[in-house]
N, C-alpha and C. Protein backbone atom coordinates (compact mmCIF):
# COMPACT_ATOMS: atom_id res chain seq x y z
N MET A 1 -8.47 20.73 -8.57
CA MET A 1 -8.51 20.77 -7.26
C MET A 1 -7.80 19.58 -6.53
N PRO A 2 -6.85 19.49 -5.70
CA PRO A 2 -6.22 18.25 -5.18
C PRO A 2 -7.51 17.60 -4.21
N THR A 3 -7.33 16.38 -4.28
CA THR A 3 -8.09 15.58 -3.48
C THR A 3 -7.35 14.44 -2.79
N SER A 4 -7.80 13.68 -1.81
CA SER A 4 -7.20 12.66 -1.24
C SER A 4 -7.94 11.38 -0.95
N SER A 5 -7.42 10.30 -0.87
CA SER A 5 -7.94 8.97 -0.67
C SER A 5 -7.07 8.14 0.05
N ARG A 6 -7.60 7.23 1.02
CA ARG A 6 -6.76 6.35 1.69
C ARG A 6 -7.12 4.90 1.27
N SER A 7 -6.10 4.05 1.13
CA SER A 7 -6.27 2.70 0.85
C SER A 7 -5.55 1.91 1.99
N SER A 8 -6.23 0.94 2.43
CA SER A 8 -5.80 0.28 3.64
C SER A 8 -5.66 -1.25 3.34
N PRO A 9 -4.89 -2.12 3.88
CA PRO A 9 -4.85 -3.66 3.68
C PRO A 9 -6.12 -4.20 4.23
N SER A 10 -6.45 -5.32 3.65
CA SER A 10 -7.69 -6.09 4.12
C SER A 10 -7.48 -6.70 5.35
N SER A 11 -6.29 -7.04 5.91
CA SER A 11 -6.00 -7.57 6.97
C SER A 11 -5.36 -6.45 8.06
N ARG A 12 -5.63 -6.52 9.22
CA ARG A 12 -5.23 -5.50 10.14
C ARG A 12 -3.53 -5.44 10.10
N THR A 13 -3.15 -4.24 10.36
CA THR A 13 -1.76 -4.03 10.55
C THR A 13 -1.29 -3.97 12.00
N PRO A 14 -0.30 -4.67 12.36
CA PRO A 14 0.07 -4.62 13.72
C PRO A 14 0.43 -3.24 14.21
N HIS A 15 -0.07 -2.96 15.67
CA HIS A 15 0.27 -1.68 16.18
C HIS A 15 1.64 -1.59 16.80
N ASN A 16 2.39 -2.60 16.68
CA ASN A 16 3.78 -2.67 17.32
C ASN A 16 4.75 -2.46 16.27
N TYR A 17 5.75 -1.64 16.54
CA TYR A 17 6.68 -1.33 15.45
C TYR A 17 7.50 -2.51 14.86
N ALA A 18 8.03 -3.31 15.84
CA ALA A 18 8.74 -4.53 15.56
C ALA A 18 8.01 -5.44 14.69
N ALA A 19 6.67 -5.78 15.20
CA ALA A 19 5.77 -6.59 14.50
C ALA A 19 5.58 -6.16 13.05
N THR A 20 5.24 -4.65 12.89
CA THR A 20 5.05 -4.25 11.57
C THR A 20 6.21 -4.58 10.58
N VAL A 21 7.37 -4.11 11.07
CA VAL A 21 8.66 -4.34 10.35
C VAL A 21 8.71 -5.88 10.03
N GLU A 22 8.47 -6.75 10.98
CA GLU A 22 8.67 -8.19 10.57
C GLU A 22 7.60 -8.60 9.65
N ARG A 23 6.57 -7.98 9.69
CA ARG A 23 5.34 -8.35 8.57
C ARG A 23 5.78 -8.03 7.32
N ASN A 24 6.44 -6.65 7.36
CA ASN A 24 6.84 -6.11 5.93
C ASN A 24 7.99 -6.92 5.26
N ARG A 25 8.88 -7.40 6.21
CA ARG A 25 9.98 -8.11 5.76
C ARG A 25 9.43 -9.50 5.15
N GLN A 26 8.42 -10.24 5.84
CA GLN A 26 7.96 -11.37 5.30
C GLN A 26 7.29 -11.26 4.00
N GLU A 27 6.61 -10.07 3.85
CA GLU A 27 5.77 -9.94 2.58
C GLU A 27 6.83 -9.59 1.50
N GLN A 28 7.96 -8.75 1.77
CA GLN A 28 9.05 -8.53 0.85
C GLN A 28 9.60 -9.70 0.36
N ASP A 29 9.98 -10.71 1.20
CA ASP A 29 10.69 -11.93 0.91
C ASP A 29 9.74 -12.90 0.08
N ALA A 30 8.42 -12.78 0.30
CA ALA A 30 7.52 -13.55 -0.46
C ALA A 30 7.05 -12.87 -1.73
N ASP A 31 7.54 -11.58 -2.01
CA ASP A 31 7.12 -10.68 -2.87
C ASP A 31 5.44 -10.65 -3.09
N ALA A 32 4.95 -10.42 -1.89
CA ALA A 32 3.48 -10.57 -1.58
C ALA A 32 2.83 -9.32 -2.24
N ARG A 33 1.47 -9.51 -2.54
CA ARG A 33 0.77 -8.30 -2.97
C ARG A 33 -0.47 -8.56 -2.10
N PRO A 34 -0.60 -7.76 -0.98
CA PRO A 34 -1.54 -7.90 0.10
C PRO A 34 -2.71 -7.15 -0.55
N LYS A 35 -3.99 -7.85 -0.08
CA LYS A 35 -5.08 -7.29 -0.67
C LYS A 35 -5.53 -5.91 -0.13
N ILE A 36 -6.25 -5.07 -0.94
CA ILE A 36 -6.67 -3.79 -0.40
C ILE A 36 -8.00 -3.90 -0.13
N ALA A 37 -8.43 -3.38 1.25
CA ALA A 37 -9.79 -3.33 1.68
C ALA A 37 -10.68 -2.35 0.72
N GLY A 38 -11.87 -2.83 0.39
CA GLY A 38 -12.79 -1.92 -0.31
C GLY A 38 -12.32 -1.73 -1.79
N ASN A 39 -12.98 -0.77 -2.35
CA ASN A 39 -12.84 -0.35 -3.81
C ASN A 39 -11.97 0.74 -3.93
N LEU A 40 -11.07 0.90 -5.01
CA LEU A 40 -10.35 2.05 -5.12
C LEU A 40 -11.19 3.15 -5.90
N PRO A 41 -10.99 4.46 -5.50
CA PRO A 41 -11.62 5.45 -6.09
C PRO A 41 -11.34 5.36 -7.75
N ASP A 42 -12.34 6.07 -8.41
CA ASP A 42 -11.93 6.34 -9.88
C ASP A 42 -10.87 7.42 -10.11
N LEU A 43 -9.80 7.06 -10.54
CA LEU A 43 -8.72 7.84 -10.71
C LEU A 43 -8.50 8.31 -12.23
N GLY A 44 -9.52 8.13 -13.07
CA GLY A 44 -9.42 8.27 -14.42
C GLY A 44 -9.28 9.78 -14.84
N ARG A 45 -9.61 10.58 -13.89
CA ARG A 45 -9.83 12.03 -14.34
C ARG A 45 -8.50 12.88 -13.91
N TYR A 46 -7.54 12.04 -13.30
CA TYR A 46 -6.22 12.70 -12.88
C TYR A 46 -5.08 12.46 -13.88
N ARG A 47 -4.27 13.46 -14.03
CA ARG A 47 -3.14 13.31 -14.77
C ARG A 47 -1.90 12.89 -13.89
N SER A 48 -1.85 13.12 -12.66
CA SER A 48 -0.96 12.75 -11.76
C SER A 48 -1.51 12.11 -10.53
N ILE A 49 -0.78 11.22 -9.90
CA ILE A 49 -1.37 10.61 -8.66
C ILE A 49 0.08 10.53 -7.90
N ILE A 50 -0.13 11.04 -6.63
CA ILE A 50 1.02 11.10 -5.65
C ILE A 50 0.77 10.01 -4.69
N LEU A 51 1.58 9.00 -4.39
CA LEU A 51 1.43 7.99 -3.48
C LEU A 51 2.33 8.33 -2.29
N GLY A 52 1.68 8.25 -1.15
CA GLY A 52 2.51 8.47 0.07
C GLY A 52 2.25 7.27 1.12
N CYS A 53 3.42 6.87 1.80
CA CYS A 53 3.40 5.78 2.79
C CYS A 53 4.56 5.83 3.69
N PRO A 54 4.37 5.22 4.84
CA PRO A 54 5.57 4.97 5.67
C PRO A 54 6.49 4.06 4.96
N VAL A 55 7.77 4.23 5.49
CA VAL A 55 8.76 3.29 4.94
C VAL A 55 9.07 2.29 6.10
N TRP A 56 9.00 0.90 5.79
CA TRP A 56 9.29 -0.07 6.82
C TRP A 56 10.41 -0.96 6.40
N ASN A 57 11.51 -1.23 7.03
CA ASN A 57 12.51 -2.22 6.65
C ASN A 57 13.19 -1.66 5.30
N THR A 58 13.34 -0.48 5.30
CA THR A 58 14.06 0.30 4.23
C THR A 58 13.29 0.48 2.77
N ARG A 59 12.08 -0.35 2.74
CA ARG A 59 11.32 -0.16 1.61
C ARG A 59 9.79 0.04 1.92
N ALA A 60 9.08 0.63 0.86
CA ALA A 60 7.69 0.81 1.12
C ALA A 60 6.92 -0.51 1.32
N PRO A 61 5.89 -0.31 2.04
CA PRO A 61 4.99 -1.61 2.36
C PRO A 61 4.63 -2.15 0.96
N MET A 62 4.48 -3.47 1.12
CA MET A 62 4.04 -4.17 -0.28
C MET A 62 2.63 -3.84 -0.83
N ILE A 63 1.87 -3.31 -0.01
CA ILE A 63 0.58 -2.81 -0.49
C ILE A 63 0.68 -1.78 -1.39
N ILE A 64 1.79 -1.03 -1.60
CA ILE A 64 2.13 -0.07 -2.67
C ILE A 64 2.07 -0.69 -3.97
N ARG A 65 2.77 -2.07 -3.94
CA ARG A 65 2.91 -2.72 -5.13
C ARG A 65 1.74 -3.15 -5.62
N THR A 66 0.76 -3.82 -4.73
CA THR A 66 -0.55 -4.10 -5.01
C THR A 66 -1.29 -2.84 -5.67
N LEU A 67 -1.19 -1.59 -5.13
CA LEU A 67 -1.84 -0.48 -5.69
C LEU A 67 -1.48 -0.17 -6.98
N ARG A 68 -0.09 -0.17 -7.15
CA ARG A 68 0.48 0.15 -8.53
C ARG A 68 0.04 -0.87 -9.63
N THR A 69 0.00 -2.19 -9.21
CA THR A 69 -0.43 -3.32 -10.10
C THR A 69 -1.88 -2.87 -10.48
N ARG A 70 -2.68 -2.64 -9.61
CA ARG A 70 -4.13 -2.45 -9.90
C ARG A 70 -4.32 -1.17 -10.68
N LEU A 71 -3.39 -0.23 -10.61
CA LEU A 71 -3.54 0.99 -11.22
C LEU A 71 -2.99 0.91 -12.68
N GLY A 72 -2.30 -0.19 -12.97
CA GLY A 72 -1.55 -0.32 -14.21
C GLY A 72 -0.25 0.17 -14.12
N ASP A 73 0.41 0.37 -13.00
CA ASP A 73 1.75 0.86 -12.92
C ASP A 73 1.92 2.12 -13.67
């Protein structure tokens, strides 16, 4: 049975589009791995995991790389 979970950055995301794009550009330039707020759910029982996110500045937010690193890519 499909389930869903939401992961969020530990620091607040700007509500302004231009500020969000600029933050993501800075994180991309720094190859940043933003911290995830809270704990990740136990994903060991799943064969497949589908990640979804908005795309800013032509690439996914850097928190997706944080998540992939924590999950073992």
